[in-house]
Amino acid sequence: PALQLSDDDLKKLVMKRPQLLGFSIENLGGTTGFFRHELNLYGAELGDMLVRAPYLLSYSVPNNLYPTVVYLRDDVFGCYDDIERRREAVSATIKRFPLLLGYSLEDNLKKKVQFLRTRLDVSPMELARMISTYPQMLSLSMEKNLRPKFNLFTQQLGFSREELRAVIVLTPTTLSLSLEKNLNPKIEYLLRDVGLTKKQLRRLILQTPGMLSYSLDTRMKPRMEQLMAAGREWDNIPAPVFGLTEKKFMKWLESSEERKLLKEANRSK
């Protein structure tokens, strides 16, 4: 079988998209052939993707799939000189997020890509890296998601466009974090409860953008409380400590305390 589907996978595919039973063999063959020739996806690899996203088989190749793939290949990943590398980038991106092929090219994808380009002033290579790492960003609403989050960083926290670009390029998954349930509570905690200034918070985030993805209750609060109990000065705390395992963090904290005590002892001599 072209897709190398097991009986269970075939059943899942049909149950998710029973309309496919009404498609002609030529129609289905044309679509699977497109994935093979344009994206080098075939056999079990293509089968696995279609079980996850069977609606792809119902999309028009000339009106939907092909224009979107060409746009991704020649525009989004056009920074790569080698055409094969572009195809590999598109293939990897689609495997990671098949739903991308379902969005309107003109009304959705192009507008969001342009928004990211202009708002962040990213280079072609940075844009390619962001989208290949987190293609789901192109599924986010500009008005309800992207724009409010960018405004949080720039208007409320004082990030420059260059600083915002650095954060999003390094950790584009930051855009997946909920404003109400994630970003706002963490930022409020760090500013109000911990007492960081906005400048100190910007420094922490710029040093380790991924810190915003850590759990507030199980990672951020315990670490901050331990740092406060140790009397650490925020300007001298290396932000990467938030990414350490608990064992490594305690080892760092203990060694840091020893250096601090030694320094104070030397001063008193």
C-alpha atoms as a PDB file:
ATOM      1  CA  PRO A   1       0.000   0.000   0.000  1.00  0.00           C
ATOM      2  CA  ALA A   2       1.242   3.469  -0.911  1.00  0.00           C
ATOM      3  CA  LEU A   3       0.692   4.833   2.605  1.00  0.00           C
ATOM      4  CA  GLN A   4       1.644   1.635   4.436  1.00  0.00           C
ATOM      5  CA  LEU A   5      -1.274   2.027   6.830  1.00  0.00           C
ATOM      6  CA  SER A   6      -2.171  -0.613   9.380  1.00  0.00           C
ATOM      7  CA  ASP A   7      -5.794  -1.667   9.628  1.00  0.00           C
ATOM      8  CA  ASP A   8      -6.175   0.403  12.809  1.00  0.00           C
ATOM      9  CA  ASP A   9      -4.675   3.503  11.181  1.00  0.00           C
ATOM     10  CA  LEU A  10      -6.870   3.110   8.118  1.00  0.00           C
ATOM     11  CA  LYS A  11      -9.901   2.872  10.390  1.00  0.00           C
ATOM     12  CA  LYS A  12      -8.838   6.045  12.237  1.00  0.00           C
ATOM     13  CA  LEU A  13      -8.339   7.911   8.976  1.00  0.00           C
ATOM     14  CA  VAL A  14     -11.765   6.950   7.623  1.00  0.00           C
ATOM     15  CA  MET A  15     -13.526   7.690  10.899  1.00  0.00           C
ATOM     16  CA  LYS A  16     -11.982  11.162  11.012  1.00  0.00           C
ATOM     17  CA  ARG A  17     -12.777  11.892   7.371  1.00  0.00           C
ATOM     18  CA  PRO A  18     -15.460   9.501   6.057  1.00  0.00           C
ATOM     19  CA  GLN A  19     -15.929  11.745   3.005  1.00  0.00           C
ATOM     20  CA  LEU A  20     -12.703  10.286   1.629  1.00  0.00           C
ATOM     21  CA  LEU A  21     -14.565   7.082   0.744  1.00  0.00           C
ATOM     22  CA  GLY A  22     -16.347   9.066  -1.934  1.00  0.00           C
ATOM     23  CA  PHE A  23     -13.128  10.280  -3.561  1.00  0.00           C
ATOM     24  CA  SER A  24     -11.847   8.644  -6.705  1.00  0.00           C
ATOM     25  CA  ILE A  25      -8.599   6.676  -6.740  1.00  0.00           C
ATOM     26  CA  GLU A  26      -7.228   9.193  -9.242  1.00  0.00           C
ATOM     27  CA  ASN A  27      -8.043  12.078  -6.901  1.00  0.00           C
ATOM     28  CA  LEU A  28      -6.399  10.486  -3.862  1.00  0.00           C
ATOM     29  CA  GLY A  29      -3.459   9.330  -5.957  1.00  0.00           C
ATOM     30  CA  GLY A  30      -2.927  12.816  -7.284  1.00  0.00           C
ATOM     31  CA  THR A  31      -2.799  14.262  -3.769  1.00  0.00           C
ATOM     32  CA  THR A  32      -0.452  11.622  -2.368  1.00  0.00           C
ATOM     33  CA  GLY A  33       1.673  11.976  -5.497  1.00  0.00           C
ATOM     34  CA  PHE A  34       1.943  15.706  -4.840  1.00  0.00           C
ATOM     35  CA  PHE A  35       3.286  15.078  -1.333  1.00  0.00           C
ATOM     36  CA  ARG A  36       5.797  12.622  -2.717  1.00  0.00           C
ATOM     37  CA  HIS A  37       7.097  14.768  -5.569  1.00  0.00           C
ATOM     38  CA  GLU A  38       6.979  18.187  -3.888  1.00  0.00           C
ATOM     39  CA  LEU A  39       7.805  17.338  -0.277  1.00  0.00           C
ATOM     40  CA  ASN A  40       9.443  13.921  -0.532  1.00  0.00           C
ATOM     41  CA  LEU A  41       6.782  12.508   1.775  1.00  0.00           C
ATOM     42  CA  TYR A  42       5.612   8.989   1.048  1.00  0.00           C
ATOM     43  CA  GLY A  43       5.088   5.551   2.556  1.00  0.00           C
ATOM     44  CA  ALA A  44       4.724   5.222   6.307  1.00  0.00           C
ATOM     45  CA  GLU A  45       5.899   8.795   6.925  1.00  0.00           C
ATOM     46  CA  LEU A  46       3.139  10.249   4.757  1.00  0.00           C
ATOM     47  CA  GLY A  47       0.668   7.746   6.154  1.00  0.00           C
ATOM     48  CA  ASP A  48       1.382   8.807   9.730  1.00  0.00           C
ATOM     49  CA  MET A  49       0.896  12.458   8.817  1.00  0.00           C
ATOM     50  CA  LEU A  50      -2.389  11.813   7.016  1.00  0.00           C
ATOM     51  CA  VAL A  51      -3.761   9.807   9.936  1.00  0.00           C
ATOM     52  CA  ARG A  52      -3.115  12.895  12.070  1.00  0.00           C
ATOM     53  CA  ALA A  53      -4.457  15.261   9.428  1.00  0.00           C
ATOM     54  CA  PRO A  54      -6.721  13.364   6.976  1.00  0.00           C
ATOM     55  CA  TYR A  55      -8.353  16.601   5.802  1.00  0.00           C
ATOM     56  CA  LEU A  56      -5.226  17.213   3.685  1.00  0.00           C
ATOM     57  CA  LEU A  57      -6.498  14.613   1.234  1.00  0.00           C
ATOM     58  CA  SER A  58      -9.559  16.746   0.555  1.00  0.00           C
ATOM     59  CA  TYR A  59      -7.645  19.887  -0.386  1.00  0.00           C
ATOM     60  CA  SER A  60      -7.224  20.896  -4.006  1.00  0.00           C
ATOM     61  CA  VAL A  61      -3.664  20.462  -5.231  1.00  0.00           C
ATOM     62  CA  PRO A  62      -3.693  23.309  -7.805  1.00  0.00           C
ATOM     63  CA  ASN A  63      -5.834  25.722  -5.775  1.00  0.00           C
ATOM     64  CA  ASN A  64      -4.567  25.116  -2.248  1.00  0.00           C
ATOM     65  CA  LEU A  65      -1.675  22.757  -1.600  1.00  0.00           C
ATOM     66  CA  TYR A  66       0.634  23.730  -4.449  1.00  0.00           C
ATOM     67  CA  PRO A  67       0.390  27.551  -4.066  1.00  0.00           C
ATOM     68  CA  THR A  68       0.985  27.276  -0.309  1.00  0.00           C
ATOM     69  CA  VAL A  69       3.978  24.975  -0.684  1.00  0.00           C
ATOM     70  CA  VAL A  70       5.495  27.225  -3.357  1.00  0.00           C
ATOM     71  CA  TYR A  71       5.018  30.275  -1.114  1.00  0.00           C
ATOM     72  CA  LEU A  72       6.687  28.556   1.824  1.00  0.00           C
ATOM     73  CA  ARG A  73       9.489  27.229  -0.350  1.00  0.00           C
ATOM     74  CA  ASP A  74      10.307  30.378  -2.317  1.00  0.00           C
ATOM     75  CA  ASP A  75       9.315  33.123   0.106  1.00  0.00           C
ATOM     76  CA  VAL A  76       9.461  31.980   3.737  1.00  0.00           C
ATOM     77  CA  PHE A  77      12.431  29.684   3.129  1.00  0.00           C
ATOM     78  CA  GLY A  78      13.755  31.592   0.138  1.00  0.00           C
ATOM     79  CA  CYS A  79      16.792  32.618   2.189  1.00  0.00           C
ATOM     80  CA  TYR A  80      18.261  29.186   1.455  1.00  0.00           C
ATOM     81  CA  ASP A  81      20.108  29.149  -1.867  1.00  0.00           C
ATOM     82  CA  ASP A  82      19.758  25.410  -2.378  1.00  0.00           C
ATOM     83  CA  ILE A  83      16.301  24.446  -3.680  1.00  0.00           C
ATOM     84  CA  GLU A  84      16.569  21.035  -2.030  1.00  0.00           C
ATOM     85  CA  ARG A  85      17.231  22.617   1.329  1.00  0.00           C
ATOM     86  CA  ARG A  86      14.114  24.747   0.856  1.00  0.00           C
ATOM     87  CA  ARG A  87      12.056  21.657   0.090  1.00  0.00           C
ATOM     88  CA  GLU A  88      13.433  19.903   3.152  1.00  0.00           C
ATOM     89  CA  ALA A  89      12.545  22.916   5.292  1.00  0.00           C
ATOM     90  CA  VAL A  90       8.975  22.982   3.964  1.00  0.00           C
ATOM     91  CA  SER A  91       8.625  19.228   4.411  1.00  0.00           C
ATOM     92  CA  ALA A  92       9.858  19.340   8.018  1.00  0.00           C
ATOM     93  CA  THR A  93       7.561  22.279   8.773  1.00  0.00           C
ATOM     94  CA  ILE A  94       4.495  20.554   7.322  1.00  0.00           C
ATOM     95  CA  LYS A  95       5.252  17.335   9.193  1.00  0.00           C
ATOM     96  CA  ARG A  96       5.478  19.350  12.388  1.00  0.00           C
ATOM     97  CA  PHE A  97       2.236  21.239  11.730  1.00  0.00           C
ATOM     98  CA  PRO A  98       0.126  19.805   8.864  1.00  0.00           C
ATOM     99  CA  LEU A  99      -2.719  22.221   9.586  1.00  0.00           C
ATOM    100  CA  LEU A 100      -0.577  24.956   8.032  1.00  0.00           C
ATOM    101  CA  LEU A 101      -1.676  23.751   4.592  1.00  0.00           C
ATOM    102  CA  GLY A 102      -5.289  24.391   5.502  1.00  0.00           C
ATOM    103  CA  TYR A 103      -5.037  28.132   6.018  1.00  0.00           C
ATOM    104  CA  SER A 104      -5.890  30.629   3.317  1.00  0.00           C
ATOM    105  CA  LEU A 105      -2.716  31.753   1.616  1.00  0.00           C
ATOM    106  CA  GLU A 106      -3.858  35.286   0.803  1.00  0.00           C
ATOM    107  CA  ASP A 107      -6.106  36.038   3.779  1.00  0.00           C
ATOM    108  CA  ASN A 108      -4.060  34.338   6.479  1.00  0.00           C
ATOM    109  CA  LEU A 109      -0.506  33.126   5.905  1.00  0.00           C
ATOM    110  CA  LYS A 110       0.826  36.023   3.849  1.00  0.00           C
ATOM    111  CA  LYS A 111      -0.681  38.626   6.166  1.00  0.00           C
ATOM    112  CA  LYS A 112       0.770  37.019   9.283  1.00  0.00           C
ATOM    113  CA  VAL A 113       4.201  36.561   7.741  1.00  0.00           C
ATOM    114  CA  GLN A 114       4.200  40.203   6.695  1.00  0.00           C
ATOM    115  CA  PHE A 115       3.075  41.249  10.175  1.00  0.00           C
ATOM    116  CA  LEU A 116       5.966  39.325  11.759  1.00  0.00           C
ATOM    117  CA  ARG A 117       8.434  40.789   9.289  1.00  0.00           C
ATOM    118  CA  THR A 118       7.421  44.389   9.875  1.00  0.00           C
ATOM    119  CA  ARG A 119       6.652  44.257  13.609  1.00  0.00           C
ATOM    120  CA  LEU A 120       9.848  42.424  14.548  1.00  0.00           C
ATOM    121  CA  ASP A 121      12.047  43.589  11.665  1.00  0.00           C
ATOM    122  CA  VAL A 122      13.423  40.071  11.338  1.00  0.00           C
ATOM    123  CA  SER A 123      15.935  39.029   8.708  1.00  0.00           C
ATOM    124  CA  PRO A 124      14.898  36.380   6.142  1.00  0.00           C
ATOM    125  CA  MET A 125      16.998  33.798   7.995  1.00  0.00           C
ATOM    126  CA  GLU A 126      15.470  34.708  11.360  1.00  0.00           C
ATOM    127  CA  LEU A 127      11.958  34.428   9.932  1.00  0.00           C
ATOM    128  CA  ALA A 128      12.745  31.008   8.453  1.00  0.00           C
ATOM    129  CA  ARG A 129      14.159  29.833  11.774  1.00  0.00           C
ATOM    130  CA  MET A 130      11.123  31.054  13.715  1.00  0.00           C
ATOM    131  CA  ILE A 131       8.574  29.395  11.448  1.00  0.00           C
ATOM    132  CA  SER A 132      10.461  26.113  11.111  1.00  0.00           C
ATOM    133  CA  THR A 133      10.818  25.950  14.899  1.00  0.00           C
ATOM    134  CA  TYR A 134       7.249  26.922  15.739  1.00  0.00           C
ATOM    135  CA  PRO A 135       5.015  26.910  12.642  1.00  0.00           C
ATOM    136  CA  GLN A 136       1.980  27.027  14.923  1.00  0.00           C
ATOM    137  CA  MET A 137       2.621  30.756  15.303  1.00  0.00           C
ATOM    138  CA  LEU A 138       0.946  31.199  11.918  1.00  0.00           C
ATOM    139  CA  SER A 139      -2.268  29.803  13.392  1.00  0.00           C
ATOM    140  CA  LEU A 140      -2.431  32.522  16.051  1.00  0.00           C
ATOM    141  CA  SER A 141      -4.823  35.424  15.648  1.00  0.00           C
ATOM    142  CA  MET A 142      -3.091  38.733  14.988  1.00  0.00           C
ATOM    143  CA  GLU A 143      -5.707  40.761  16.875  1.00  0.00           C
ATOM    144  CA  LYS A 144      -6.397  38.415  19.778  1.00  0.00           C
ATOM    145  CA  ASN A 145      -2.957  36.899  20.230  1.00  0.00           C
ATOM    146  CA  LEU A 146       0.098  38.260  18.414  1.00  0.00           C
ATOM    147  CA  ARG A 147      -0.582  41.979  18.691  1.00  0.00           C
ATOM    148  CA  PRO A 148      -1.591  41.941  22.417  1.00  0.00           C
ATOM    149  CA  LYS A 149       1.484  39.892  23.326  1.00  0.00           C
ATOM    150  CA  PHE A 150       3.826  42.159  21.410  1.00  0.00           C
ATOM    151  CA  ASN A 151       2.195  45.137  23.126  1.00  0.00           C
ATOM    152  CA  LEU A 152       2.744  43.513  26.525  1.00  0.00           C
ATOM    153  CA  PHE A 153       6.473  43.392  25.901  1.00  0.00           C
ATOM    154  CA  THR A 154       6.890  46.772  24.250  1.00  0.00           C
ATOM    155  CA  GLN A 155       4.280  49.004  25.875  1.00  0.00           C
ATOM    156  CA  GLN A 156       4.051  47.533  29.380  1.00  0.00           C
ATOM    157  CA  LEU A 157       7.577  46.235  29.921  1.00  0.00           C
ATOM    158  CA  GLY A 158       9.479  48.690  27.738  1.00  0.00           C
ATOM    159  CA  PHE A 159      11.156  46.245  25.346  1.00  0.00           C
ATOM    160  CA  SER A 160      12.645  47.845  22.256  1.00  0.00           C
ATOM    161  CA  ARG A 161      11.867  46.264  18.895  1.00  0.00           C
ATOM    162  CA  GLU A 162      15.389  44.811  18.836  1.00  0.00           C
ATOM    163  CA  GLU A 163      14.896  43.259  22.287  1.00  0.00           C
ATOM    164  CA  LEU A 164      11.484  41.861  21.366  1.00  0.00           C
ATOM    165  CA  ARG A 165      12.954  40.371  18.206  1.00  0.00           C
ATOM    166  CA  ALA A 166      15.711  38.695  20.230  1.00  0.00           C
ATOM    167  CA  VAL A 167      13.161  37.072  22.551  1.00  0.00           C
ATOM    168  CA  ILE A 168      10.806  35.819  19.828  1.00  0.00           C
ATOM    169  CA  VAL A 169      13.541  34.618  17.463  1.00  0.00           C
ATOM    170  CA  LEU A 170      15.212  32.610  20.232  1.00  0.00           C
ATOM    171  CA  THR A 171      12.000  31.228  21.754  1.00  0.00           C
ATOM    172  CA  PRO A 172       9.080  31.623  19.326  1.00  0.00           C
ATOM    173  CA  THR A 173       7.038  29.287  21.537  1.00  0.00           C
ATOM    174  CA  THR A 174       6.677  32.267  23.887  1.00  0.00           C
ATOM    175  CA  LEU A 175       3.812  33.236  21.584  1.00  0.00           C
ATOM    176  CA  SER A 176       1.967  30.063  22.578  1.00  0.00           C
ATOM    177  CA  LEU A 177       1.697  31.178  26.212  1.00  0.00           C
ATOM    178  CA  SER A 178      -1.694  32.482  27.299  1.00  0.00           C
ATOM    179  CA  LEU A 179      -1.801  36.124  28.332  1.00  0.00           C
ATOM    180  CA  GLU A 180      -4.460  35.603  30.997  1.00  0.00           C
ATOM    181  CA  LYS A 181      -3.313  32.278  32.424  1.00  0.00           C
ATOM    182  CA  ASN A 182       0.433  32.460  31.903  1.00  0.00           C
ATOM    183  CA  LEU A 183       2.256  35.643  30.932  1.00  0.00           C
ATOM    184  CA  ASN A 184       0.295  38.211  32.946  1.00  0.00           C
ATOM    185  CA  PRO A 185       0.337  36.248  36.254  1.00  0.00           C
ATOM    186  CA  LYS A 186       4.091  35.603  35.980  1.00  0.00           C
ATOM    187  CA  ILE A 187       4.950  39.180  35.112  1.00  0.00           C
ATOM    188  CA  GLU A 188       2.662  40.505  37.872  1.00  0.00           C
ATOM    189  CA  TYR A 189       4.326  38.165  40.383  1.00  0.00           C
ATOM    190  CA  LEU A 190       7.849  39.212  39.402  1.00  0.00           C
ATOM    191  CA  LEU A 191       7.062  42.928  39.434  1.00  0.00           C
ATOM    192  CA  ARG A 192       4.669  43.169  42.379  1.00  0.00           C
ATOM    193  CA  ASP A 193       5.525  40.308  44.737  1.00  0.00           C
ATOM    194  CA  VAL A 194       9.244  39.915  44.063  1.00  0.00           C
ATOM    195  CA  GLY A 195       9.758  43.629  43.544  1.00  0.00           C
ATOM    196  CA  LEU A 196      11.767  43.560  40.345  1.00  0.00           C
ATOM    197  CA  THR A 197      11.971  46.756  38.352  1.00  0.00           C
ATOM    198  CA  LYS A 198      10.957  46.569  34.709  1.00  0.00           C
ATOM    199  CA  LYS A 199      14.607  46.997  33.761  1.00  0.00           C
ATOM    200  CA  GLN A 200      15.605  44.016  35.916  1.00  0.00           C
ATOM    201  CA  LEU A 201      12.784  41.918  34.490  1.00  0.00           C
ATOM    202  CA  ARG A 202      13.779  42.781  30.922  1.00  0.00           C
ATOM    203  CA  ARG A 203      17.327  41.696  31.702  1.00  0.00           C
ATOM    204  CA  LEU A 204      16.173  38.343  33.075  1.00  0.00           C
ATOM    205  CA  ILE A 205      13.915  37.672  30.113  1.00  0.00           C
ATOM    206  CA  LEU A 206      16.569  38.696  27.576  1.00  0.00           C
ATOM    207  CA  GLN A 207      19.148  36.426  29.186  1.00  0.00           C
ATOM    208  CA  THR A 208      16.800  33.454  29.330  1.00  0.00           C
ATOM    209  CA  PRO A 209      13.627  34.017  27.259  1.00  0.00           C
ATOM    210  CA  GLY A 210      12.502  30.485  28.057  1.00  0.00           C
ATOM    211  CA  MET A 211      12.009  31.390  31.717  1.00  0.00           C
ATOM    212  CA  LEU A 212       8.483  32.563  30.897  1.00  0.00           C
ATOM    213  CA  SER A 213       7.509  29.023  29.928  1.00  0.00           C
ATOM    214  CA  TYR A 214       8.382  27.613  33.359  1.00  0.00           C
ATOM    215  CA  SER A 215       5.588  26.881  35.804  1.00  0.00           C
ATOM    216  CA  LEU A 216       4.829  29.778  38.104  1.00  0.00           C
ATOM    217  CA  ASP A 217       3.972  27.594  41.103  1.00  0.00           C
ATOM    218  CA  THR A 218       6.439  24.728  40.739  1.00  0.00           C
ATOM    219  CA  ARG A 219       9.495  26.473  39.281  1.00  0.00           C
ATOM    220  CA  MET A 220       9.410  30.261  39.308  1.00  0.00           C
ATOM    221  CA  LYS A 221       8.058  30.955  42.802  1.00  0.00           C
ATOM    222  CA  PRO A 222      10.230  28.369  44.607  1.00  0.00           C
ATOM    223  CA  ARG A 223      13.379  29.621  42.851  1.00  0.00           C
ATOM    224  CA  MET A 224      12.633  33.274  43.544  1.00  0.00           C
ATOM    225  CA  GLU A 225      11.843  32.546  47.197  1.00  0.00           C
ATOM    226  CA  GLN A 226      15.130  30.685  47.606  1.00  0.00           C
ATOM    227  CA  LEU A 227      17.016  33.533  45.968  1.00  0.00           C
ATOM    228  CA  MET A 228      15.297  36.103  48.171  1.00  0.00           C
ATOM    229  CA  ALA A 229      16.007  34.035  51.302  1.00  0.00           C
ATOM    230  CA  ALA A 230      19.664  33.965  50.293  1.00  0.00           C
ATOM    231  CA  GLY A 231      19.625  37.756  49.994  1.00  0.00           C
ATOM    232  CA  ARG A 232      20.714  37.754  46.381  1.00  0.00           C
ATOM    233  CA  GLU A 233      20.833  41.007  44.448  1.00  0.00           C
ATOM    234  CA  TRP A 234      18.725  40.757  41.304  1.00  0.00           C
ATOM    235  CA  ASP A 235      21.230  42.535  39.108  1.00  0.00           C
ATOM    236  CA  ASN A 236      23.815  39.852  39.883  1.00  0.00           C
ATOM    237  CA  ILE A 237      21.675  36.788  39.295  1.00  0.00           C
ATOM    238  CA  PRO A 238      22.430  34.879  36.093  1.00  0.00           C
ATOM    239  CA  ALA A 239      18.997  34.251  34.589  1.00  0.00           C
ATOM    240  CA  PRO A 240      19.944  30.755  33.300  1.00  0.00           C
ATOM    241  CA  VAL A 241      19.586  29.451  36.865  1.00  0.00           C
ATOM    242  CA  PHE A 242      15.857  29.202  36.191  1.00  0.00           C
ATOM    243  CA  GLY A 243      16.542  26.499  33.615  1.00  0.00           C
ATOM    244  CA  LEU A 244      18.705  24.365  35.904  1.00  0.00           C
ATOM    245  CA  THR A 245      17.440  21.149  37.425  1.00  0.00           C
ATOM    246  CA  GLU A 246      16.693  21.356  41.137  1.00  0.00           C
ATOM    247  CA  LYS A 247      19.907  19.506  41.986  1.00  0.00           C
ATOM    248  CA  LYS A 248      22.072  21.794  39.852  1.00  0.00           C
ATOM    249  CA  PHE A 249      20.257  24.875  41.099  1.00  0.00           C
ATOM    250  CA  MET A 250      20.913  23.969  44.741  1.00  0.00           C
ATOM    251  CA  LYS A 251      24.544  23.250  43.935  1.00  0.00           C
ATOM    252  CA  TRP A 252      24.850  26.652  42.233  1.00  0.00           C
ATOM    253  CA  LEU A 253      23.097  28.393  45.127  1.00  0.00           C
ATOM    254  CA  GLU A 254      25.339  26.743  47.724  1.00  0.00           C
ATOM    255  CA  SER A 255      28.550  27.516  45.844  1.00  0.00           C
ATOM    256  CA  SER A 256      27.326  31.050  45.225  1.00  0.00           C
ATOM    257  CA  GLU A 257      26.661  31.513  48.945  1.00  0.00           C
ATOM    258  CA  GLU A 258      30.143  30.256  49.799  1.00  0.00           C
ATOM    259  CA  ARG A 259      31.702  32.789  47.416  1.00  0.00           C
ATOM    260  CA  LYS A 260      29.558  35.546  48.908  1.00  0.00           C
ATOM    261  CA  LEU A 261      30.583  34.705  52.486  1.00  0.00           C
ATOM    262  CA  LEU A 262      34.239  34.498  51.499  1.00  0.00           C
ATOM    263  CA  LYS A 263      34.013  37.883  49.786  1.00  0.00           C
ATOM    264  CA  GLU A 264      32.400  39.451  52.882  1.00  0.00           C
ATOM    265  CA  ALA A 265      35.038  37.880  55.133  1.00  0.00           C
ATOM    266  CA  ASN A 266      37.823  39.339  53.023  1.00  0.00           C
ATOM    267  CA  ARG A 267      36.225  42.768  53.187  1.00  0.00           C
ATOM    268  CA  SER A 268      36.136  42.688  57.007  1.00  0.00           C
ATOM    269  CA  LYS A 269      39.851  41.958  57.309  1.00  0.00           C
END
